[in-house]
């Protein structure tokens, strides 16, 4: 089965594994507590929109993204919503769409 290309915002990847590697590298550029840049936020918005539970993840709307601690001391991206609430999400959500 040939690799399926994936587009996330302005970025195109030959296969989902390439997109996942790009997103992992993006996550590693940030420290816990950092706010994600506007350019990276465009890509993360596309990832969240592909999430199987996108409506719940987006909630009242996306204000911005940040990097915070997650389960077992790992770090992950968080959606910071317009109503002040937050929700973590996994970059593996690119596999859901």
PDB file of N, CA and C in Angstrom:
ATOM      1  N   UNK A   1       0.853  -1.176   0.000  1.00  0.00           N
ATOM      2  CA  UNK A   1       0.000   0.000   0.000  1.00  0.00           C
ATOM      3  C   UNK A   1       0.898   1.238   0.000  1.00  0.00           C
ATOM      4  N   UNK A   2       0.710   2.134  -0.957  1.00  0.00           N
ATOM      5  CA  UNK A   2       1.564   3.332  -1.021  1.00  0.00           C
ATOM      6  C   UNK A   2       1.265   4.283   0.123  1.00  0.00           C
ATOM      7  N   UNK A   3       2.280   5.082   0.479  1.00  0.00           N
ATOM      8  CA  UNK A   3       2.122   6.065   1.543  1.00  0.00           C
ATOM      9  C   UNK A   3       1.082   7.090   1.127  1.00  0.00           C
ATOM     10  N   UNK A   4       0.298   7.538   2.088  1.00  0.00           N
ATOM     11  CA  UNK A   4      -0.746   8.519   1.825  1.00  0.00           C
ATOM     12  C   UNK A   4      -0.243   9.897   2.246  1.00  0.00           C
ATOM     13  N   UNK A   5      -0.196  10.853   1.323  1.00  0.00           N
ATOM     14  CA  UNK A   5       0.254  12.206   1.684  1.00  0.00           C
ATOM     15  C   UNK A   5      -0.705  12.844   2.689  1.00  0.00           C
ATOM     16  N   UNK A   6      -0.196  13.787   3.444  1.00  0.00           N
ATOM     17  CA  UNK A   6      -1.004  14.503   4.434  1.00  0.00           C
ATOM     18  C   UNK A   6      -0.628  15.980   4.400  1.00  0.00           C
ATOM     19  N   UNK A   7      -1.637  16.830   4.510  1.00  0.00           N
ATOM     20  CA  UNK A   7      -1.425  18.270   4.564  1.00  0.00           C
ATOM     21  C   UNK A   7      -1.938  18.772   5.901  1.00  0.00           C
ATOM     22  N   UNK A   8      -1.116  19.547   6.581  1.00  0.00           N
ATOM     23  CA  UNK A   8      -1.473  20.167   7.856  1.00  0.00           C
ATOM     24  C   UNK A   8      -1.239  21.672   7.709  1.00  0.00           C
ATOM     25  N   UNK A   9      -2.310  22.417   7.501  1.00  0.00           N
ATOM     26  CA  UNK A   9      -2.155  23.850   7.269  1.00  0.00           C
ATOM     27  C   UNK A   9      -1.306  24.071   6.031  1.00  0.00           C
ATOM     28  N   UNK A  10      -0.238  24.870   6.144  1.00  0.00           N
ATOM     29  CA  UNK A  10       0.600  25.161   4.986  1.00  0.00           C
ATOM     30  C   UNK A  10       1.644  24.079   4.680  1.00  0.00           C
ATOM     31  N   UNK A  11       1.718  23.045   5.499  1.00  0.00           N
ATOM     32  CA  UNK A  11       2.745  22.017   5.365  1.00  0.00           C
ATOM     33  C   UNK A  11       2.169  20.761   4.702  1.00  0.00           C
ATOM     34  N   UNK A  12       2.942  20.202   3.782  1.00  0.00           N
ATOM     35  CA  UNK A  12       2.570  18.936   3.147  1.00  0.00           C
ATOM     36  C   UNK A  12       3.664  17.913   3.426  1.00  0.00           C
ATOM     37  N   UNK A  13       3.246  16.691   3.666  1.00  0.00           N
ATOM     38  CA  UNK A  13       4.159  15.605   3.990  1.00  0.00           C
ATOM     39  C   UNK A  13       3.835  14.418   3.097  1.00  0.00           C
ATOM     40  N   UNK A  14       4.865  13.653   2.734  1.00  0.00           N
ATOM     41  CA  UNK A  14       4.688  12.491   1.870  1.00  0.00           C
ATOM     42  C   UNK A  14       3.870  11.403   2.550  1.00  0.00           C
ATOM     43  N   UNK A  15       4.008  11.304   3.873  1.00  0.00           N
ATOM     44  CA  UNK A  15       3.256  10.292   4.617  1.00  0.00           C
ATOM     45  C   UNK A  15       3.042  10.772   6.047  1.00  0.00           C
ATOM     46  N   UNK A  16       2.113  10.121   6.732  1.00  0.00           N
ATOM     47  CA  UNK A  16       1.758  10.528   8.088  1.00  0.00           C
ATOM     48  C   UNK A  16       2.933  10.418   9.046  1.00  0.00           C
ATOM     49  N   UNK A  17       3.792   9.438   8.839  1.00  0.00           N
ATOM     50  CA  UNK A  17       4.962   9.292   9.700  1.00  0.00           C
ATOM     51  C   UNK A  17       5.880  10.504   9.628  1.00  0.00           C
ATOM     52  N   UNK A  18       6.002  11.099   8.441  1.00  0.00           N
ATOM     53  CA  UNK A  18       6.808  12.317   8.293  1.00  0.00           C
ATOM     54  C   UNK A  18       6.171  13.476   9.059  1.00  0.00           C
ATOM     55  N   UNK A  19       4.852  13.561   8.985  1.00  0.00           N
ATOM     56  CA  UNK A  19       4.136  14.610   9.721  1.00  0.00           C
ATOM     57  C   UNK A  19       4.319  14.419  11.221  1.00  0.00           C
ATOM     58  N   UNK A  20       4.213  13.175  11.685  1.00  0.00           N
ATOM     59  CA  UNK A  20       4.383  12.892  13.108  1.00  0.00           C
ATOM     60  C   UNK A  20       5.787  13.265  13.573  1.00  0.00           C
ATOM     61  N   UNK A  21       6.798  12.956  12.784  1.00  0.00           N
ATOM     62  CA  UNK A  21       8.178  13.314  13.140  1.00  0.00           C
ATOM     63  C   UNK A  21       8.347  14.830  13.202  1.00  0.00           C
ATOM     64  N   UNK A  22       7.739  15.550  12.274  1.00  0.00           N
ATOM     65  CA  UNK A  22       7.794  17.010  12.273  1.00  0.00           C
ATOM     66  C   UNK A  22       7.156  17.575  13.541  1.00  0.00           C
ATOM     67  N   UNK A  23       5.994  17.019  13.919  1.00  0.00           N
ATOM     68  CA  UNK A  23       5.286  17.501  15.105  1.00  0.00           C
ATOM     69  C   UNK A  23       6.039  17.168  16.394  1.00  0.00           C
ATOM     70  N   UNK A  24       6.674  16.015  16.445  1.00  0.00           N
ATOM     71  CA  UNK A  24       7.486  15.665  17.618  1.00  0.00           C
ATOM     72  C   UNK A  24       8.658  16.625  17.752  1.00  0.00           C
ATOM     73  N   UNK A  25       9.296  16.954  16.625  1.00  0.00           N
ATOM     74  CA  UNK A  25      10.398  17.918  16.653  1.00  0.00           C
ATOM     75  C   UNK A  25       9.893  19.289  17.091  1.00  0.00           C
ATOM     76  N   UNK A  26       8.703  19.664  16.626  1.00  0.00           N
ATOM     77  CA  UNK A  26       8.111  20.936  17.047  1.00  0.00           C
ATOM     78  C   UNK A  26       7.912  20.950  18.559  1.00  0.00           C
ATOM     79  N   UNK A  27       7.325  19.885  19.093  1.00  0.00           N
ATOM     80  CA  UNK A  27       7.086  19.795  20.533  1.00  0.00           C
ATOM     81  C   UNK A  27       8.392  19.919  21.303  1.00  0.00           C
ATOM     82  N   UNK A  28       9.435  19.287  20.809  1.00  0.00           N
ATOM     83  CA  UNK A  28      10.727  19.306  21.502  1.00  0.00           C
ATOM     84  C   UNK A  28      11.423  20.664  21.464  1.00  0.00           C
ATOM     85  N   UNK A  29      11.002  21.550  20.571  1.00  0.00           N
ATOM     86  CA  UNK A  29      11.562  22.907  20.529  1.00  0.00           C
ATOM     87  C   UNK A  29      11.057  23.780  21.672  1.00  0.00           C
ATOM     88  N   UNK A  30       9.965  23.341  22.304  1.00  0.00           N
ATOM     89  CA  UNK A  30       9.344  24.128  23.360  1.00  0.00           C
ATOM     90  C   UNK A  30       9.612  23.519  24.733  1.00  0.00           C
ATOM     91  N   UNK A  31       9.653  24.394  25.727  1.00  0.00           N
ATOM     92  CA  UNK A  31       9.739  23.958  27.116  1.00  0.00           C
ATOM     93  C   UNK A  31       8.348  23.965  27.720  1.00  0.00           C
ATOM     94  N   UNK A  32       8.157  23.211  28.790  1.00  0.00           N
ATOM     95  CA  UNK A  32       6.890  23.216  29.512  1.00  0.00           C
ATOM     96  C   UNK A  32       6.606  24.646  29.959  1.00  0.00           C
ATOM     97  N   UNK A  33       5.406  25.101  29.677  1.00  0.00           N
ATOM     98  CA  UNK A  33       4.985  26.453  30.030  1.00  0.00           C
ATOM     99  C   UNK A  33       5.069  27.442  28.875  1.00  0.00           C
ATOM    100  N   UNK A  34       5.714  27.049  27.789  1.00  0.00           N
ATOM    101  CA  UNK A  34       5.842  27.942  26.633  1.00  0.00           C
ATOM    102  C   UNK A  34       4.529  28.050  25.875  1.00  0.00           C
ATOM    103  N   UNK A  35       4.313  29.234  25.310  1.00  0.00           N
ATOM    104  CA  UNK A  35       3.217  29.443  24.381  1.00  0.00           C
ATOM    105  C   UNK A  35       3.751  29.149  22.975  1.00  0.00           C
ATOM    106  N   UNK A  36       2.968  28.473  22.185  1.00  0.00           N
ATOM    107  CA  UNK A  36       3.364  28.087  20.830  1.00  0.00           C
ATOM    108  C   UNK A  36       3.291  29.307  19.914  1.00  0.00           C
ATOM    109  N   UNK A  37       4.250  29.423  19.013  1.00  0.00           N
ATOM    110  CA  UNK A  37       4.295  30.556  18.088  1.00  0.00           C
ATOM    111  C   UNK A  37       3.079  30.559  17.162  1.00  0.00           C
ATOM    112  N   UNK A  38       2.802  31.717  16.580  1.00  0.00           N
ATOM    113  CA  UNK A  38       1.669  31.847  15.664  1.00  0.00           C
ATOM    114  C   UNK A  38       1.834  30.929  14.456  1.00  0.00           C
ATOM    115  N   UNK A  39       3.051  30.833  13.920  1.00  0.00           N
ATOM    116  CA  UNK A  39       3.292  29.980  12.750  1.00  0.00           C
ATOM    117  C   UNK A  39       3.038  28.508  13.081  1.00  0.00           C
ATOM    118  N   UNK A  40       3.530  28.049  14.222  1.00  0.00           N
ATOM    119  CA  UNK A  40       3.301  26.656  14.620  1.00  0.00           C
ATOM    120  C   UNK A  40       1.830  26.418  14.972  1.00  0.00           C
ATOM    121  N   UNK A  41       1.148  27.444  15.465  1.00  0.00           N
ATOM    122  CA  UNK A  41      -0.264  27.314  15.823  1.00  0.00           C
ATOM    123  C   UNK A  41      -1.137  27.001  14.619  1.00  0.00           C
ATOM    124  N   UNK A  42      -0.760  27.519  13.451  1.00  0.00           N
ATOM    125  CA  UNK A  42      -1.519  27.228  12.229  1.00  0.00           C
ATOM    126  C   UNK A  42      -1.492  25.723  11.958  1.00  0.00           C
ATOM    127  N   UNK A  43      -0.350  25.125  12.131  1.00  0.00           N
ATOM    128  CA  UNK A  43      -0.205  23.681  11.901  1.00  0.00           C
ATOM    129  C   UNK A  43      -0.952  22.895  12.973  1.00  0.00           C
ATOM    130  N   UNK A  44      -0.823  23.318  14.227  1.00  0.00           N
ATOM    131  CA  UNK A  44      -1.512  22.608  15.309  1.00  0.00           C
ATOM    132  C   UNK A  44      -3.022  22.701  15.175  1.00  0.00           C
ATOM    133  N   UNK A  45      -3.520  23.830  14.702  1.00  0.00           N
ATOM    134  CA  UNK A  45      -4.964  23.959  14.476  1.00  0.00           C
ATOM    135  C   UNK A  45      -5.424  22.892  13.474  1.00  0.00           C
ATOM    136  N   UNK A  46      -4.650  22.685  12.422  1.00  0.00           N
ATOM    137  CA  UNK A  46      -4.993  21.658  11.431  1.00  0.00           C
ATOM    138  C   UNK A  46      -4.969  20.268  12.056  1.00  0.00           C
ATOM    139  N   UNK A  47      -4.029  20.024  12.979  1.00  0.00           N
ATOM    140  CA  UNK A  47      -3.963  18.729  13.666  1.00  0.00           C
ATOM    141  C   UNK A  47      -5.212  18.527  14.526  1.00  0.00           C
ATOM    142  N   UNK A  48      -5.580  19.543  15.300  1.00  0.00           N
ATOM    143  CA  UNK A  48      -6.762  19.433  16.169  1.00  0.00           C
ATOM    144  C   UNK A  48      -8.021  19.212  15.332  1.00  0.00           C
ATOM    145  N   UNK A  49      -8.114  19.885  14.202  1.00  0.00           N
ATOM    146  CA  UNK A  49      -9.298  19.726  13.345  1.00  0.00           C
ATOM    147  C   UNK A  49      -9.419  18.320  12.783  1.00  0.00           C
ATOM    148  N   UNK A  50      -8.320  17.573  12.711  1.00  0.00           N
ATOM    149  CA  UNK A  50      -8.337  16.175  12.253  1.00  0.00           C
ATOM    150  C   UNK A  50      -8.642  15.200  13.392  1.00  0.00           C
ATOM    151  N   UNK A  51      -8.602  15.664  14.626  1.00  0.00           N
ATOM    152  CA  UNK A  51      -8.794  14.796  15.786  1.00  0.00           C
ATOM    153  C   UNK A  51     -10.188  14.169  15.751  1.00  0.00           C
ATOM    154  N   UNK A  52     -10.300  12.891  16.109  1.00  0.00           N
ATOM    155  CA  UNK A  52     -11.619  12.247  16.124  1.00  0.00           C
ATOM    156  C   UNK A  52     -12.627  12.962  17.027  1.00  0.00           C
ATOM    157  N   UNK A  53     -12.138  13.646  18.059  1.00  0.00           N
ATOM    158  CA  UNK A  53     -13.001  14.393  18.974  1.00  0.00           C
ATOM    159  C   UNK A  53     -12.767  15.902  18.830  1.00  0.00           C
ATOM    160  N   UNK A  54     -12.635  16.345  17.590  1.00  0.00           N
ATOM    161  CA  UNK A  54     -12.289  17.748  17.320  1.00  0.00           C
ATOM    162  C   UNK A  54     -13.263  18.725  17.971  1.00  0.00           C
ATOM    163  N   UNK A  55     -14.550  18.450  17.892  1.00  0.00           N
ATOM    164  CA  UNK A  55     -15.540  19.382  18.444  1.00  0.00           C
ATOM    165  C   UNK A  55     -15.314  19.567  19.933  1.00  0.00           C
ATOM    166  N   UNK A  56     -15.064  18.475  20.648  1.00  0.00           N
ATOM    167  CA  UNK A  56     -14.825  18.555  22.087  1.00  0.00           C
ATOM    168  C   UNK A  56     -13.486  19.229  22.384  1.00  0.00           C
ATOM    169  N   UNK A  57     -12.473  18.942  21.590  1.00  0.00           N
ATOM    170  CA  UNK A  57     -11.148  19.530  21.816  1.00  0.00           C
ATOM    171  C   UNK A  57     -11.170  21.047  21.585  1.00  0.00           C
ATOM    172  N   UNK A  58     -11.860  21.480  20.531  1.00  0.00           N
ATOM    173  CA  UNK A  58     -11.912  22.898  20.192  1.00  0.00           C
ATOM    174  C   UNK A  58     -12.843  23.660  21.140  1.00  0.00           C
ATOM    175  N   UNK A  59     -13.932  23.036  21.541  1.00  0.00           N
ATOM    176  CA  UNK A  59     -14.846  23.660  22.501  1.00  0.00           C
ATOM    177  C   UNK A  59     -15.327  25.023  22.044  1.00  0.00           C
ATOM    178  N   UNK A  60     -15.123  26.036  22.873  1.00  0.00           N
ATOM    179  CA  UNK A  60     -15.611  27.389  22.590  1.00  0.00           C
ATOM    180  C   UNK A  60     -14.804  28.093  21.510  1.00  0.00           C
ATOM    181  N   UNK A  61     -13.694  27.498  21.128  1.00  0.00           N
ATOM    182  CA  UNK A  61     -12.820  28.096  20.123  1.00  0.00           C
ATOM    183  C   UNK A  61     -11.391  28.115  20.622  1.00  0.00           C
ATOM    184  N   UNK A  62     -10.458  28.144  19.690  1.00  0.00           N
ATOM    185  CA  UNK A  62      -9.039  28.109  20.055  1.00  0.00           C
ATOM    186  C   UNK A  62      -8.498  29.522  20.174  1.00  0.00           C
ATOM    187  N   UNK A  63      -7.981  29.849  21.359  1.00  0.00           N
ATOM    188  CA  UNK A  63      -7.324  31.138  21.563  1.00  0.00           C
ATOM    189  C   UNK A  63      -5.855  31.022  21.162  1.00  0.00           C
ATOM    190  N   UNK A  64      -5.201  29.957  21.633  1.00  0.00           N
ATOM    191  CA  UNK A  64      -3.797  29.708  21.324  1.00  0.00           C
ATOM    192  C   UNK A  64      -3.437  28.305  21.802  1.00  0.00           C
ATOM    193  N   UNK A  65      -2.182  27.952  21.633  1.00  0.00           N
ATOM    194  CA  UNK A  65      -1.684  26.653  22.071  1.00  0.00           C
ATOM    195  C   UNK A  65      -0.508  26.857  23.010  1.00  0.00           C
ATOM    196  N   UNK A  66      -0.311  25.904  23.899  1.00  0.00           N
ATOM    197  CA  UNK A  66       0.847  25.936  24.785  1.00  0.00           C
ATOM    198  C   UNK A  66       1.363  24.518  24.971  1.00  0.00           C
ATOM    199  N   UNK A  67       2.505  24.422  25.619  1.00  0.00           N
ATOM    200  CA  UNK A  67       3.095  23.130  25.955  1.00  0.00           C
ATOM    201  C   UNK A  67       3.070  23.019  27.470  1.00  0.00           C
ATOM    202  N   UNK A  68       2.495  21.934  27.945  1.00  0.00           N
ATOM    203  CA  UNK A  68       2.397  21.704  29.388  1.00  0.00           C
ATOM    204  C   UNK A  68       2.683  20.242  29.672  1.00  0.00           C
ATOM    205  N   UNK A  69       2.777  19.949  30.944  1.00  0.00           N
ATOM    206  CA  UNK A  69       2.971  18.562  31.357  1.00  0.00           C
ATOM    207  C   UNK A  69       1.712  17.761  31.075  1.00  0.00           C
ATOM    208  N   UNK A  70       1.934  16.489  30.856  1.00  0.00           N
ATOM    209  CA  UNK A  70       0.815  15.571  30.613  1.00  0.00           C
ATOM    210  C   UNK A  70       0.985  14.374  31.532  1.00  0.00           C
ATOM    211  N   UNK A  71       0.461  13.258  31.125  1.00  0.00           N
ATOM    212  CA  UNK A  71       0.521  12.040  31.930  1.00  0.00           C
ATOM    213  C   UNK A  71       1.956  11.548  32.094  1.00  0.00           C
ATOM    214  N   UNK A  72       2.268  11.089  33.256  1.00  0.00           N
ATOM    215  CA  UNK A  72       3.546  10.449  33.565  1.00  0.00           C
ATOM    216  C   UNK A  72       4.753  11.346  33.303  1.00  0.00           C
ATOM    217  N   UNK A  73       4.582  12.658  33.482  1.00  0.00           N
ATOM    218  CA  UNK A  73       5.696  13.585  33.353  1.00  0.00           C
ATOM    219  C   UNK A  73       6.080  13.947  31.939  1.00  0.00           C
ATOM    220  N   UNK A  74       5.339  13.448  30.962  1.00  0.00           N
ATOM    221  CA  UNK A  74       5.630  13.814  29.577  1.00  0.00           C
ATOM    222  C   UNK A  74       5.079  15.208  29.299  1.00  0.00           C
ATOM    223  N   UNK A  75       5.436  15.762  28.162  1.00  0.00           N
ATOM    224  CA  UNK A  75       4.857  17.047  27.789  1.00  0.00           C
ATOM    225  C   UNK A  75       4.059  16.875  26.516  1.00  0.00           C
ATOM    226  N   UNK A  76       3.071  17.739  26.357  1.00  0.00           N
ATOM    227  CA  UNK A  76       2.248  17.679  25.155  1.00  0.00           C
ATOM    228  C   UNK A  76       1.676  19.056  24.865  1.00  0.00           C
ATOM    229  N   UNK A  77       1.046  19.144  23.705  1.00  0.00           N
ATOM    230  CA  UNK A  77       0.397  20.386  23.322  1.00  0.00           C
ATOM    231  C   UNK A  77      -0.960  20.484  24.012  1.00  0.00           C
ATOM    232  N   UNK A  78      -1.322  21.710  24.357  1.00  0.00           N
ATOM    233  CA  UNK A  78      -2.618  21.993  24.964  1.00  0.00           C
ATOM    234  C   UNK A  78      -3.329  23.047  24.141  1.00  0.00           C
ATOM    235  N   UNK A  79      -4.621  22.869  23.962  1.00  0.00           N
ATOM    236  CA  UNK A  79      -5.480  23.887  23.365  1.00  0.00           C
ATOM    237  C   UNK A  79      -5.911  24.812  24.494  1.00  0.00           C
ATOM    238  N   UNK A  80      -5.680  26.091  24.335  1.00  0.00           N
ATOM    239  CA  UNK A  80      -6.182  27.100  25.270  1.00  0.00           C
ATOM    240  C   UNK A  80      -7.376  27.759  24.583  1.00  0.00           C
ATOM    241  N   UNK A  81      -8.549  27.516  25.151  1.00  0.00           N
ATOM    242  CA  UNK A  81      -9.790  27.948  24.515  1.00  0.00           C
ATOM    243  C   UNK A  81     -10.128  29.401  24.845  1.00  0.00           C
ATOM    244  N   UNK A  82     -11.026  29.937  24.023  1.00  0.00           N
ATOM    245  CA  UNK A  82     -11.438  31.333  24.188  1.00  0.00           C
ATOM    246  C   UNK A  82     -12.180  31.570  25.496  1.00  0.00           C
ATOM    247  N   UNK A  83     -12.765  30.526  26.091  1.00  0.00           N
ATOM    248  CA  UNK A  83     -13.475  30.696  27.364  1.00  0.00           C
ATOM    249  C   UNK A  83     -12.559  30.504  28.578  1.00  0.00           C
ATOM    250  N   UNK A  84     -11.255  30.319  28.330  1.00  0.00           N
ATOM    251  CA  UNK A  84     -10.292  30.155  29.419  1.00  0.00           C
ATOM    252  C   UNK A  84     -10.029  28.705  29.801  1.00  0.00           C
ATOM    253  N   UNK A  85     -10.815  27.773  29.288  1.00  0.00           N
ATOM    254  CA  UNK A  85     -10.583  26.360  29.594  1.00  0.00           C
ATOM    255  C   UNK A  85      -9.455  25.821  28.716  1.00  0.00           C
ATOM    256  N   UNK A  86      -8.927  24.670  29.096  1.00  0.00           N
ATOM    257  CA  UNK A  86      -7.820  24.060  28.356  1.00  0.00           C
ATOM    258  C   UNK A  86      -8.104  22.581  28.126  1.00  0.00           C
ATOM    259  N   UNK A  87      -7.422  22.028  27.139  1.00  0.00           N
ATOM    260  CA  UNK A  87      -7.569  20.602  26.823  1.00  0.00           C
ATOM    261  C   UNK A  87      -6.284  20.124  26.181  1.00  0.00           C
ATOM    262  N   UNK A  88      -5.763  19.014  26.656  1.00  0.00           N
ATOM    263  CA  UNK A  88      -4.560  18.465  26.023  1.00  0.00           C
ATOM    264  C   UNK A  88      -4.966  17.679  24.792  1.00  0.00           C
ATOM    265  N   UNK A  89      -4.014  17.538  23.868  1.00  0.00           N
ATOM    266  CA  UNK A  89      -4.272  16.690  22.718  1.00  0.00           C
ATOM    267  C   UNK A  89      -2.966  16.078  22.256  1.00  0.00           C
ATOM    268  N   UNK A  90      -3.101  14.937  21.643  1.00  0.00           N
ATOM    269  CA  UNK A  90      -1.955  14.172  21.196  1.00  0.00           C
ATOM    270  C   UNK A  90      -1.692  14.446  19.727  1.00  0.00           C
ATOM    271  N   UNK A  91      -0.430  14.536  19.373  1.00  0.00           N
ATOM    272  CA  UNK A  91      -0.098  14.709  17.962  1.00  0.00           C
ATOM    273  C   UNK A  91      -0.428  13.447  17.163  1.00  0.00           C
ATOM    274  N   UNK A  92      -0.681  12.364  17.851  1.00  0.00           N
ATOM    275  CA  UNK A  92      -1.072  11.147  17.138  1.00  0.00           C
ATOM    276  C   UNK A  92      -2.455  11.278  16.521  1.00  0.00           C
ATOM    277  N   UNK A  93      -3.147  12.390  16.796  1.00  0.00           N
ATOM    278  CA  UNK A  93      -4.455  12.609  16.200  1.00  0.00           C
ATOM    279  C   UNK A  93      -4.373  12.762  14.687  1.00  0.00           C
ATOM    280  N   UNK A  94      -3.167  12.961  14.135  1.00  0.00           N
ATOM    281  CA  UNK A  94      -3.045  13.026  12.675  1.00  0.00           C
ATOM    282  C   UNK A  94      -3.419  11.694  12.044  1.00  0.00           C
ATOM    283  N   UNK A  95      -3.394  10.630  12.827  1.00  0.00           N
ATOM    284  CA  UNK A  95      -3.750   9.327  12.294  1.00  0.00           C
ATOM    285  C   UNK A  95      -5.254   9.125  12.254  1.00  0.00           C
ATOM    286  N   UNK A  96      -5.988   9.997  12.925  1.00  0.00           N
ATOM    287  CA  UNK A  96      -7.437   9.868  12.971  1.00  0.00           C
ATOM    288  C   UNK A  96      -8.144  10.403  11.745  1.00  0.00           C
ATOM    289  N   UNK A  97      -7.435  11.208  10.926  1.00  0.00           N
ATOM    290  CA  UNK A  97      -8.128  11.836   9.802  1.00  0.00           C
ATOM    291  C   UNK A  97      -7.724  11.282   8.476  1.00  0.00           C
TER     292      UNK A  97
END
